[in-house]
Amino acid sequence: MRRDRFGLGAFEVTARYSLLDLDRRVFTAGLADPNLWRNRAGMIIVGFNWYLNKFVKVYFDWEHAMFAQPVYDAPGPKLQKTSDLFWLRFQVYFRPGGLNQRDELTPGPRIPRPGPAPG
C-alpha cells in the first residue's frame, strides 16, 4: 500500500485437490489397523487469502475429505464417508529490531536496483 492511501488490500482465490492412496502392505505389515484406518482418501480444498497490508494475511479455507470406505466420526459410533472442515488463520509478519519501507510480507533475496548509468 502507498503512504496515505487506504483500501481493502488484495484477495487471492485458492484451490487444491489431493489424494492419499496407501498400499495394502501398510496393513498386512502391521503398521496400521484396517479396522480403524482406510487405505484411500481424497481432499478438496477451496478458499481465499486476504492480504490486508504487507504485514497481515488472513486465510479462510473449506476442506472436504472423501474416504473410500466409511470411517468413524469421533466422538460417536457414527460412520461417515465425508468430512468437512472450515478454518480461519491470521498471519502477522514482524521482524525484531524494527521494520523499514523495503520490508516485504515474505522476506526473500534482495535484488539490486540499477542505478544511474556511469557517465
N, C-alpha and C. Protein backbone atom coordinates (compact mmCIF):
# COMPACT_ATOMS: atom_id res chain seq x y z
N MET A 1 0.83 -1.18 0.00
CA MET A 1 0.00 0.00 0.00
C MET A 1 0.88 1.24 0.00
N ARG A 2 0.39 2.25 -0.64
CA ARG A 2 1.13 3.50 -0.69
C ARG A 2 0.84 4.33 0.56
N ARG A 3 1.77 5.16 0.89
CA ARG A 3 1.60 6.04 2.04
C ARG A 3 0.40 6.95 1.82
N ASP A 4 -0.40 7.13 2.84
CA ASP A 4 -1.60 7.98 2.81
C ASP A 4 -2.70 7.44 1.88
N ARG A 5 -2.62 6.19 1.50
CA ARG A 5 -3.67 5.57 0.68
C ARG A 5 -4.19 4.36 1.44
N PHE A 6 -5.51 4.21 1.44
CA PHE A 6 -6.12 3.10 2.14
C PHE A 6 -7.03 2.34 1.19
N GLY A 7 -7.17 1.04 1.41
CA GLY A 7 -8.03 0.23 0.56
C GLY A 7 -8.33 -1.09 1.26
N LEU A 8 -8.92 -2.00 0.53
CA LEU A 8 -9.27 -3.30 1.10
C LEU A 8 -8.13 -4.30 1.03
N GLY A 9 -7.02 -3.94 0.45
CA GLY A 9 -5.93 -4.88 0.31
C GLY A 9 -6.11 -5.72 -0.93
N ALA A 10 -5.52 -6.91 -0.92
CA ALA A 10 -5.58 -7.81 -2.07
C ALA A 10 -6.21 -9.13 -1.67
N PHE A 11 -6.94 -9.76 -2.61
CA PHE A 11 -7.57 -11.05 -2.38
C PHE A 11 -6.98 -12.07 -3.34
N GLU A 12 -6.87 -13.30 -2.87
CA GLU A 12 -6.32 -14.39 -3.68
C GLU A 12 -7.21 -15.62 -3.51
N VAL A 13 -7.71 -16.18 -4.59
CA VAL A 13 -8.55 -17.38 -4.55
C VAL A 13 -7.63 -18.60 -4.64
N THR A 14 -7.89 -19.61 -3.81
CA THR A 14 -7.05 -20.81 -3.80
C THR A 14 -7.91 -22.05 -3.98
N ALA A 15 -7.32 -23.09 -4.56
CA ALA A 15 -7.99 -24.39 -4.73
C ALA A 15 -6.93 -25.47 -4.87
N ARG A 16 -7.24 -26.66 -4.33
CA ARG A 16 -6.29 -27.77 -4.42
C ARG A 16 -7.06 -29.08 -4.27
N TYR A 17 -6.57 -30.11 -4.95
CA TYR A 17 -7.09 -31.46 -4.78
C TYR A 17 -5.91 -32.36 -4.42
N SER A 18 -6.09 -33.21 -3.42
CA SER A 18 -5.02 -34.14 -3.05
C SER A 18 -5.62 -35.52 -2.83
N LEU A 19 -4.79 -36.55 -3.03
CA LEU A 19 -5.24 -37.93 -2.92
C LEU A 19 -4.20 -38.72 -2.13
N LEU A 20 -4.66 -39.49 -1.15
CA LEU A 20 -3.82 -40.39 -0.37
C LEU A 20 -4.23 -41.80 -0.72
N ASP A 21 -3.29 -42.59 -1.22
CA ASP A 21 -3.57 -43.97 -1.61
C ASP A 21 -2.48 -44.85 -1.00
N LEU A 22 -2.81 -45.55 0.08
CA LEU A 22 -1.85 -46.40 0.78
C LEU A 22 -1.85 -47.81 0.21
N ASP A 23 -0.69 -48.40 0.12
CA ASP A 23 -0.56 -49.78 -0.31
C ASP A 23 -1.11 -50.70 0.78
N ARG A 24 -1.70 -51.82 0.39
CA ARG A 24 -2.26 -52.75 1.38
C ARG A 24 -1.19 -53.33 2.31
N ARG A 25 0.07 -53.26 1.90
CA ARG A 25 1.15 -53.78 2.75
C ARG A 25 1.28 -53.00 4.05
N VAL A 26 0.78 -51.76 4.07
CA VAL A 26 0.78 -51.00 5.32
C VAL A 26 -0.04 -51.74 6.38
N PHE A 27 -1.13 -52.37 5.96
CA PHE A 27 -1.99 -53.10 6.89
C PHE A 27 -1.46 -54.51 7.16
N THR A 28 -1.00 -55.21 6.11
CA THR A 28 -0.52 -56.58 6.31
C THR A 28 0.79 -56.61 7.09
N ALA A 29 1.57 -55.54 7.06
CA ALA A 29 2.82 -55.48 7.83
C ALA A 29 2.57 -55.07 9.28
N GLY A 30 1.33 -54.77 9.62
CA GLY A 30 1.00 -54.41 11.00
C GLY A 30 1.28 -52.96 11.35
N LEU A 31 1.50 -52.11 10.35
CA LEU A 31 1.76 -50.70 10.62
C LEU A 31 0.49 -49.92 10.93
N ALA A 32 -0.65 -50.41 10.48
CA ALA A 32 -1.93 -49.76 10.74
C ALA A 32 -3.01 -50.82 10.86
N ASP A 33 -4.01 -50.53 11.66
CA ASP A 33 -5.13 -51.44 11.87
C ASP A 33 -6.20 -51.17 10.81
N PRO A 34 -6.52 -52.16 9.95
CA PRO A 34 -7.52 -51.92 8.90
C PRO A 34 -8.92 -51.68 9.45
N ASN A 35 -9.16 -52.01 10.72
CA ASN A 35 -10.46 -51.74 11.33
C ASN A 35 -10.61 -50.28 11.73
N LEU A 36 -9.49 -49.58 11.87
CA LEU A 36 -9.51 -48.18 12.29
C LEU A 36 -9.16 -47.21 11.18
N TRP A 37 -8.37 -47.64 10.20
CA TRP A 37 -7.85 -46.75 9.16
C TRP A 37 -8.28 -47.23 7.79
N ARG A 38 -8.28 -46.34 6.81
CA ARG A 38 -8.63 -46.66 5.43
C ARG A 38 -7.40 -46.45 4.54
N ASN A 39 -7.43 -47.08 3.37
CA ASN A 39 -6.27 -47.00 2.50
C ASN A 39 -6.38 -45.93 1.42
N ARG A 40 -7.52 -45.24 1.34
CA ARG A 40 -7.67 -44.24 0.28
C ARG A 40 -8.54 -43.09 0.77
N ALA A 41 -8.07 -41.87 0.51
CA ALA A 41 -8.83 -40.67 0.87
C ALA A 41 -8.48 -39.56 -0.11
N GLY A 42 -9.47 -38.78 -0.46
CA GLY A 42 -9.26 -37.62 -1.32
C GLY A 42 -9.68 -36.37 -0.58
N MET A 43 -9.11 -35.23 -0.95
CA MET A 43 -9.46 -33.99 -0.29
C MET A 43 -9.50 -32.84 -1.29
N ILE A 44 -10.56 -32.05 -1.19
CA ILE A 44 -10.70 -30.84 -1.99
C ILE A 44 -10.62 -29.66 -1.02
N ILE A 45 -9.77 -28.69 -1.35
CA ILE A 45 -9.63 -27.50 -0.51
C ILE A 45 -9.89 -26.28 -1.38
N VAL A 46 -10.81 -25.44 -0.94
CA VAL A 46 -11.15 -24.21 -1.64
C VAL A 46 -11.14 -23.08 -0.62
N GLY A 47 -10.60 -21.94 -0.99
CA GLY A 47 -10.57 -20.84 -0.05
C GLY A 47 -10.09 -19.56 -0.67
N PHE A 48 -9.79 -18.61 0.20
CA PHE A 48 -9.20 -17.37 -0.28
C PHE A 48 -8.30 -16.79 0.80
N ASN A 49 -7.34 -16.01 0.35
CA ASN A 49 -6.42 -15.30 1.23
C ASN A 49 -6.68 -13.82 1.08
N TRP A 50 -6.61 -13.10 2.17
CA TRP A 50 -6.79 -11.66 2.17
C TRP A 50 -5.52 -11.03 2.71
N TYR A 51 -4.86 -10.26 1.86
CA TYR A 51 -3.66 -9.52 2.25
C TYR A 51 -4.13 -8.11 2.64
N LEU A 52 -4.36 -7.92 3.92
CA LEU A 52 -4.86 -6.64 4.41
C LEU A 52 -3.85 -5.53 4.14
N ASN A 53 -2.59 -5.82 4.40
CA ASN A 53 -1.48 -4.93 4.06
C ASN A 53 -0.24 -5.80 3.92
N LYS A 54 0.93 -5.22 3.83
CA LYS A 54 2.11 -6.05 3.60
C LYS A 54 2.57 -6.81 4.84
N PHE A 55 1.90 -6.62 5.97
CA PHE A 55 2.27 -7.31 7.20
C PHE A 55 1.20 -8.26 7.73
N VAL A 56 -0.03 -8.19 7.22
CA VAL A 56 -1.13 -9.00 7.75
C VAL A 56 -1.78 -9.81 6.61
N LYS A 57 -1.94 -11.11 6.85
CA LYS A 57 -2.56 -12.01 5.88
C LYS A 57 -3.61 -12.84 6.62
N VAL A 58 -4.80 -13.01 6.03
CA VAL A 58 -5.88 -13.80 6.62
C VAL A 58 -6.21 -14.92 5.65
N TYR A 59 -6.23 -16.16 6.15
CA TYR A 59 -6.57 -17.33 5.35
C TYR A 59 -7.97 -17.80 5.76
N PHE A 60 -8.80 -18.17 4.80
CA PHE A 60 -10.08 -18.83 5.08
C PHE A 60 -10.21 -19.99 4.10
N ASP A 61 -10.40 -21.19 4.61
CA ASP A 61 -10.48 -22.38 3.76
C ASP A 61 -11.60 -23.30 4.18
N TRP A 62 -12.13 -24.03 3.19
CA TRP A 62 -13.06 -25.13 3.41
C TRP A 62 -12.38 -26.38 2.88
N GLU A 63 -12.29 -27.42 3.71
CA GLU A 63 -11.69 -28.69 3.32
C GLU A 63 -12.77 -29.77 3.32
N HIS A 64 -12.89 -30.49 2.22
CA HIS A 64 -13.87 -31.56 2.09
C HIS A 64 -13.10 -32.86 1.82
N ALA A 65 -13.12 -33.79 2.79
CA ALA A 65 -12.42 -35.06 2.66
C ALA A 65 -13.41 -36.15 2.28
N MET A 66 -12.97 -37.05 1.39
CA MET A 66 -13.80 -38.17 0.93
C MET A 66 -13.01 -39.46 1.18
N PHE A 67 -13.63 -40.43 1.84
CA PHE A 67 -12.96 -41.68 2.19
C PHE A 67 -13.49 -42.81 1.34
N ALA A 68 -12.62 -43.80 1.04
CA ALA A 68 -13.02 -44.94 0.21
C ALA A 68 -14.07 -45.79 0.91
N GLN A 69 -13.90 -46.03 2.20
CA GLN A 69 -14.89 -46.74 3.00
C GLN A 69 -15.25 -45.83 4.17
N PRO A 70 -16.44 -46.02 4.74
CA PRO A 70 -16.84 -45.16 5.87
C PRO A 70 -15.87 -45.24 7.03
N VAL A 71 -15.69 -44.14 7.72
CA VAL A 71 -14.83 -44.06 8.90
C VAL A 71 -15.68 -43.62 10.08
N TYR A 72 -15.18 -43.88 11.28
CA TYR A 72 -15.91 -43.47 12.48
C TYR A 72 -15.73 -41.98 12.72
N ASP A 73 -16.83 -41.35 13.05
CA ASP A 73 -16.83 -39.92 13.37
C ASP A 73 -16.70 -39.78 14.88
N ALA A 74 -15.60 -39.22 15.34
CA ALA A 74 -15.43 -39.01 16.78
C ALA A 74 -16.30 -37.84 17.20
N PRO A 75 -16.90 -37.85 18.33
CA PRO A 75 -16.78 -38.79 19.45
C PRO A 75 -17.90 -39.81 19.53
N GLY A 76 -18.45 -40.24 18.43
CA GLY A 76 -19.55 -41.20 18.49
C GLY A 76 -19.33 -42.36 17.56
N PRO A 77 -20.24 -43.31 17.57
CA PRO A 77 -20.12 -44.50 16.72
C PRO A 77 -20.71 -44.30 15.33
N LYS A 78 -20.86 -43.08 14.90
CA LYS A 78 -21.47 -42.78 13.60
C LYS A 78 -20.44 -42.96 12.48
N LEU A 79 -20.80 -43.72 11.45
CA LEU A 79 -19.93 -43.89 10.28
C LEU A 79 -20.22 -42.80 9.26
N GLN A 80 -19.18 -42.33 8.59
CA GLN A 80 -19.38 -41.31 7.54
C GLN A 80 -18.35 -41.52 6.44
N LYS A 81 -18.72 -41.13 5.23
CA LYS A 81 -17.82 -41.24 4.08
C LYS A 81 -17.17 -39.91 3.72
N THR A 82 -17.64 -38.81 4.30
CA THR A 82 -17.06 -37.50 4.03
C THR A 82 -16.87 -36.73 5.34
N SER A 83 -16.04 -35.73 5.28
CA SER A 83 -15.80 -34.87 6.43
C SER A 83 -15.55 -33.47 5.93
N ASP A 84 -16.08 -32.47 6.63
CA ASP A 84 -15.89 -31.08 6.23
C ASP A 84 -15.24 -30.30 7.37
N LEU A 85 -14.41 -29.34 6.97
CA LEU A 85 -13.71 -28.52 7.95
C LEU A 85 -13.61 -27.10 7.39
N PHE A 86 -13.98 -26.13 8.21
CA PHE A 86 -13.78 -24.72 7.88
C PHE A 86 -12.73 -24.19 8.84
N TRP A 87 -11.77 -23.44 8.33
CA TRP A 87 -10.78 -22.87 9.23
C TRP A 87 -10.36 -21.49 8.79
N LEU A 88 -9.94 -20.73 9.79
CA LEU A 88 -9.55 -19.34 9.62
C LEU A 88 -8.22 -19.16 10.33
N ARG A 89 -7.27 -18.49 9.66
CA ARG A 89 -5.94 -18.29 10.25
C ARG A 89 -5.46 -16.89 9.96
N PHE A 90 -4.82 -16.29 10.94
CA PHE A 90 -4.24 -14.96 10.79
C PHE A 90 -2.72 -15.08 10.82
N GLN A 91 -2.05 -14.33 9.97
CA GLN A 91 -0.59 -14.31 9.96
C GLN A 91 -0.13 -12.86 10.02
N VAL A 92 0.78 -12.59 10.95
CA VAL A 92 1.34 -11.25 11.08
C VAL A 92 2.84 -11.37 10.91
N TYR A 93 3.39 -10.60 10.00
CA TYR A 93 4.83 -10.60 9.75
C TYR A 93 5.46 -9.47 10.56
N PHE A 94 6.48 -9.81 11.32
CA PHE A 94 7.23 -8.79 12.04
C PHE A 94 8.68 -9.24 12.12
N ARG A 95 9.53 -8.27 12.34
CA ARG A 95 10.95 -8.57 12.47
C ARG A 95 11.46 -7.84 13.71
N PRO A 96 12.02 -8.58 14.66
CA PRO A 96 12.57 -7.91 15.84
C PRO A 96 13.62 -6.89 15.41
N GLY A 97 13.61 -5.75 16.05
CA GLY A 97 14.57 -4.71 15.69
C GLY A 97 13.97 -3.66 14.79
N GLY A 98 12.72 -3.83 14.41
CA GLY A 98 12.06 -2.80 13.61
C GLY A 98 11.92 -3.16 12.15
N LEU A 99 11.12 -2.36 11.46
CA LEU A 99 10.85 -2.55 10.04
C LEU A 99 11.24 -1.29 9.30
N ASN A 100 11.53 -1.44 8.04
CA ASN A 100 11.74 -0.27 7.21
C ASN A 100 10.86 -0.38 5.98
N GLN A 101 10.89 0.63 5.12
CA GLN A 101 9.97 0.66 3.97
C GLN A 101 10.26 -0.43 2.95
N ARG A 102 11.43 -1.05 2.97
CA ARG A 102 11.77 -2.05 1.97
C ARG A 102 11.32 -3.45 2.39
N ASP A 103 10.85 -3.63 3.63
CA ASP A 103 10.43 -4.95 4.09
C ASP A 103 9.21 -5.42 3.31
N GLU A 104 9.19 -6.72 3.03
CA GLU A 104 8.11 -7.33 2.27
C GLU A 104 7.33 -8.26 3.20
N LEU A 105 6.14 -8.72 2.77
CA LEU A 105 5.36 -9.68 3.54
C LEU A 105 6.14 -11.00 3.68
N THR A 106 6.75 -11.43 2.60
CA THR A 106 7.56 -12.64 2.62
C THR A 106 9.00 -12.25 2.29
N PRO A 107 9.88 -12.27 3.30
CA PRO A 107 11.25 -11.86 3.02
C PRO A 107 11.93 -12.83 2.06
N GLY A 108 12.76 -12.32 1.23
CA GLY A 108 13.48 -13.14 0.27
C GLY A 108 14.76 -12.44 -0.13
N PRO A 109 15.44 -12.96 -1.13
CA PRO A 109 16.69 -12.32 -1.53
C PRO A 109 16.43 -10.93 -2.11
N ARG A 110 17.30 -10.03 -1.79
CA ARG A 110 17.20 -8.66 -2.29
C ARG A 110 17.80 -8.60 -3.70
N ILE A 111 17.09 -7.97 -4.61
CA ILE A 111 17.57 -7.80 -5.98
C ILE A 111 18.04 -6.36 -6.10
N PRO A 112 19.31 -6.16 -6.43
CA PRO A 112 19.80 -4.78 -6.52
C PRO A 112 19.09 -4.00 -7.63
N ARG A 113 18.75 -2.78 -7.35
CA ARG A 113 18.11 -1.94 -8.35
C ARG A 113 19.19 -1.21 -9.13
N PRO A 114 18.99 -1.11 -10.45
CA PRO A 114 20.01 -0.44 -11.24
C PRO A 114 20.07 1.06 -10.90
N GLY A 115 21.25 1.56 -10.80
CA GLY A 115 21.44 2.98 -10.52
C GLY A 115 21.62 3.74 -11.83
N PRO A 116 21.98 5.00 -11.71
CA PRO A 116 22.21 5.79 -12.94
C PRO A 116 23.39 5.23 -13.72
N ALA A 117 23.29 5.36 -15.01
CA ALA A 117 24.36 4.86 -15.88
C ALA A 117 25.64 5.65 -15.62
N PRO A 118 26.78 4.93 -15.57
CA PRO A 118 28.05 5.67 -15.39
C PRO A 118 28.30 6.57 -16.58
N GLY A 119 28.83 7.74 -16.25
CA GLY A 119 28.95 8.58 -17.39
C GLY A 119 29.95 9.56 -17.39
